[in-house]
């Protein structure tokens, strides 16, 4: 068992020498950003007249 621990420690030392250490973890505060939304949600409002532009149907695409 001591041989296994010594081999694991030696392998870990070789890996550390070759690849170095891991970078510091990124904080959650650095990964998120607060953005003020537009009043009334103008960009994400539903537009029934323009909704057909984004409709996709395989049967229609194939002409069936």
N, C-alpha and C. Protein backbone atom coordinates (compact mmCIF):
# COMPACT_ATOMS: atom_id res chain seq x y z
N UNK A 1 0.83 -1.19 0.00
CA UNK A 1 0.00 0.00 0.00
C UNK A 1 0.87 1.25 0.00
N UNK A 2 2.01 1.21 0.69
CA UNK A 2 2.90 2.36 0.72
C UNK A 2 3.47 2.64 -0.66
N UNK A 3 3.67 1.59 -1.46
CA UNK A 3 4.17 1.79 -2.82
C UNK A 3 3.14 2.53 -3.66
N UNK A 4 1.85 2.20 -3.45
CA UNK A 4 0.79 2.88 -4.20
C UNK A 4 0.72 4.36 -3.82
N UNK A 5 0.83 4.66 -2.54
CA UNK A 5 0.80 6.06 -2.09
C UNK A 5 2.01 6.82 -2.63
N UNK A 6 3.16 6.18 -2.63
CA UNK A 6 4.36 6.83 -3.15
C UNK A 6 4.24 7.06 -4.65
N UNK A 7 3.68 6.09 -5.36
CA UNK A 7 3.50 6.24 -6.81
C UNK A 7 2.50 7.35 -7.12
N UNK A 8 1.41 7.42 -6.33
CA UNK A 8 0.43 8.48 -6.53
C UNK A 8 1.03 9.85 -6.25
N UNK A 9 1.82 9.95 -5.20
CA UNK A 9 2.46 11.22 -4.86
C UNK A 9 3.46 11.62 -5.94
N UNK A 10 4.21 10.65 -6.45
CA UNK A 10 5.18 10.94 -7.51
C UNK A 10 4.46 11.38 -8.78
N UNK A 11 3.38 10.70 -9.10
CA UNK A 11 2.62 11.07 -10.30
C UNK A 11 2.01 12.46 -10.14
N UNK A 12 1.54 12.78 -8.94
CA UNK A 12 0.98 14.11 -8.69
C UNK A 12 2.06 15.17 -8.83
N UNK A 13 3.28 14.89 -8.35
CA UNK A 13 4.37 15.85 -8.47
C UNK A 13 4.75 16.07 -9.92
N UNK A 14 4.76 15.01 -10.71
CA UNK A 14 5.07 15.13 -12.14
C UNK A 14 4.01 15.95 -12.84
N UNK A 15 2.74 15.68 -12.55
CA UNK A 15 1.65 16.46 -13.16
C UNK A 15 1.75 17.93 -12.78
N UNK A 16 2.01 18.21 -11.51
CA UNK A 16 2.09 19.59 -11.05
C UNK A 16 3.26 20.31 -11.72
N UNK A 17 4.38 19.61 -11.90
CA UNK A 17 5.53 20.22 -12.55
C UNK A 17 5.26 20.47 -14.03
N UNK A 18 4.51 19.57 -14.65
CA UNK A 18 4.27 19.71 -16.09
C UNK A 18 3.18 20.74 -16.39
N UNK A 19 2.07 20.69 -15.65
CA UNK A 19 0.92 21.52 -15.98
C UNK A 19 0.73 22.71 -15.04
N UNK A 20 1.40 22.73 -13.92
CA UNK A 20 1.23 23.81 -12.97
C UNK A 20 -0.03 23.60 -12.14
N UNK A 21 -0.51 24.67 -11.54
CA UNK A 21 -1.70 24.56 -10.69
C UNK A 21 -2.92 25.09 -11.44
N UNK A 22 -4.07 24.77 -10.93
CA UNK A 22 -5.31 25.24 -11.53
C UNK A 22 -5.49 26.73 -11.27
N UNK A 23 -6.15 27.44 -12.18
CA UNK A 23 -6.40 28.86 -11.94
C UNK A 23 -7.41 29.03 -10.80
N UNK A 24 -7.42 30.21 -10.24
CA UNK A 24 -8.36 30.50 -9.16
C UNK A 24 -9.78 30.45 -9.71
N UNK A 25 -10.73 29.95 -8.93
CA UNK A 25 -12.12 29.90 -9.40
C UNK A 25 -12.68 31.32 -9.57
N UNK A 26 -13.56 31.46 -10.53
CA UNK A 26 -14.19 32.75 -10.80
C UNK A 26 -15.34 32.94 -9.82
N UNK A 27 -15.41 34.11 -9.21
CA UNK A 27 -16.47 34.39 -8.25
C UNK A 27 -17.80 34.55 -8.99
N UNK A 28 -18.90 34.21 -8.31
CA UNK A 28 -20.22 34.31 -8.91
C UNK A 28 -20.54 35.76 -9.27
N UNK A 29 -20.09 36.70 -8.46
CA UNK A 29 -20.36 38.12 -8.73
C UNK A 29 -19.70 38.58 -10.03
N UNK A 30 -18.58 37.95 -10.39
CA UNK A 30 -17.90 38.31 -11.63
C UNK A 30 -18.54 37.68 -12.86
N UNK A 31 -19.38 36.65 -12.65
CA UNK A 31 -20.01 35.97 -13.78
C UNK A 31 -21.38 36.55 -14.12
N UNK A 32 -21.94 37.37 -13.27
CA UNK A 32 -23.27 37.91 -13.50
C UNK A 32 -23.21 39.41 -13.71
N UNK A 33 -24.23 39.93 -14.37
CA UNK A 33 -24.30 41.36 -14.63
C UNK A 33 -25.75 41.79 -14.50
N UNK A 34 -25.98 42.88 -13.80
CA UNK A 34 -27.32 43.42 -13.66
C UNK A 34 -27.56 44.44 -14.77
N UNK A 35 -28.71 44.29 -15.44
CA UNK A 35 -29.07 45.20 -16.52
C UNK A 35 -30.48 45.72 -16.23
N UNK A 36 -30.65 47.01 -16.39
CA UNK A 36 -31.96 47.60 -16.17
C UNK A 36 -32.83 47.32 -17.39
N UNK A 37 -34.02 46.77 -17.15
CA UNK A 37 -34.93 46.44 -18.25
C UNK A 37 -35.62 47.70 -18.75
N UNK A 38 -35.99 47.65 -20.03
CA UNK A 38 -36.71 48.78 -20.62
C UNK A 38 -38.09 48.86 -19.98
N UNK A 39 -38.58 50.06 -19.72
CA UNK A 39 -39.92 50.19 -19.12
C UNK A 39 -40.99 49.65 -20.06
N UNK A 40 -41.87 48.84 -19.52
CA UNK A 40 -42.96 48.29 -20.31
C UNK A 40 -42.57 47.06 -21.09
N UNK A 41 -41.33 46.67 -21.09
CA UNK A 41 -40.90 45.48 -21.82
C UNK A 41 -41.11 45.62 -23.32
N UNK A 42 -40.72 46.73 -23.89
CA UNK A 42 -40.99 47.02 -25.30
C UNK A 42 -40.32 46.00 -26.23
N UNK A 43 -39.15 45.53 -25.89
CA UNK A 43 -38.45 44.61 -26.78
C UNK A 43 -39.05 43.22 -26.78
N UNK A 44 -39.61 42.80 -25.66
CA UNK A 44 -40.10 41.43 -25.58
C UNK A 44 -41.62 41.35 -25.64
N UNK A 45 -42.28 42.42 -26.08
CA UNK A 45 -43.73 42.38 -26.15
C UNK A 45 -44.19 41.51 -27.32
N UNK A 46 -45.38 40.97 -27.20
CA UNK A 46 -45.93 40.07 -28.21
C UNK A 46 -46.48 40.89 -29.38
N UNK A 47 -46.12 40.50 -30.58
CA UNK A 47 -46.60 41.17 -31.79
C UNK A 47 -47.32 40.14 -32.65
N UNK A 48 -48.66 40.09 -32.61
CA UNK A 48 -49.38 39.07 -33.38
C UNK A 48 -49.21 39.23 -34.89
N UNK A 49 -48.99 40.43 -35.38
CA UNK A 49 -48.83 40.65 -36.82
C UNK A 49 -47.49 40.10 -37.32
N UNK A 50 -46.47 40.19 -36.50
CA UNK A 50 -45.16 39.74 -36.93
C UNK A 50 -44.79 38.36 -36.46
N UNK A 51 -45.69 37.68 -35.76
CA UNK A 51 -45.34 36.37 -35.21
C UNK A 51 -45.21 35.30 -36.30
N UNK A 52 -45.83 35.49 -37.45
CA UNK A 52 -45.72 34.50 -38.53
C UNK A 52 -44.31 34.40 -39.08
N UNK A 53 -43.51 35.43 -38.90
CA UNK A 53 -42.14 35.43 -39.43
C UNK A 53 -41.28 34.36 -38.77
N UNK A 54 -41.59 34.00 -37.54
CA UNK A 54 -40.77 33.07 -36.79
C UNK A 54 -41.39 31.68 -36.70
N UNK A 55 -42.47 31.44 -37.42
CA UNK A 55 -43.14 30.16 -37.38
C UNK A 55 -42.41 29.20 -38.32
N UNK A 56 -42.13 28.02 -37.84
CA UNK A 56 -41.44 27.04 -38.66
C UNK A 56 -42.19 25.72 -38.58
N UNK A 57 -42.53 25.16 -39.72
CA UNK A 57 -43.24 23.90 -39.77
C UNK A 57 -42.59 23.04 -40.84
N UNK A 58 -42.21 21.83 -40.50
CA UNK A 58 -41.55 20.95 -41.44
C UNK A 58 -42.43 20.62 -42.63
N UNK A 59 -43.73 20.42 -42.40
CA UNK A 59 -44.65 20.09 -43.49
C UNK A 59 -44.72 21.25 -44.48
N UNK A 60 -44.75 22.49 -43.98
CA UNK A 60 -44.78 23.65 -44.88
C UNK A 60 -43.46 23.80 -45.62
N UNK A 61 -42.35 23.53 -44.92
CA UNK A 61 -41.04 23.64 -45.57
C UNK A 61 -40.89 22.62 -46.70
N UNK A 62 -41.48 21.44 -46.54
CA UNK A 62 -41.40 20.42 -47.57
C UNK A 62 -42.47 20.57 -48.64
N UNK A 63 -43.39 21.50 -48.45
CA UNK A 63 -44.45 21.73 -49.43
C UNK A 63 -45.55 20.70 -49.37
N UNK A 64 -45.78 20.12 -48.22
CA UNK A 64 -46.83 19.11 -48.09
C UNK A 64 -48.16 19.73 -47.78
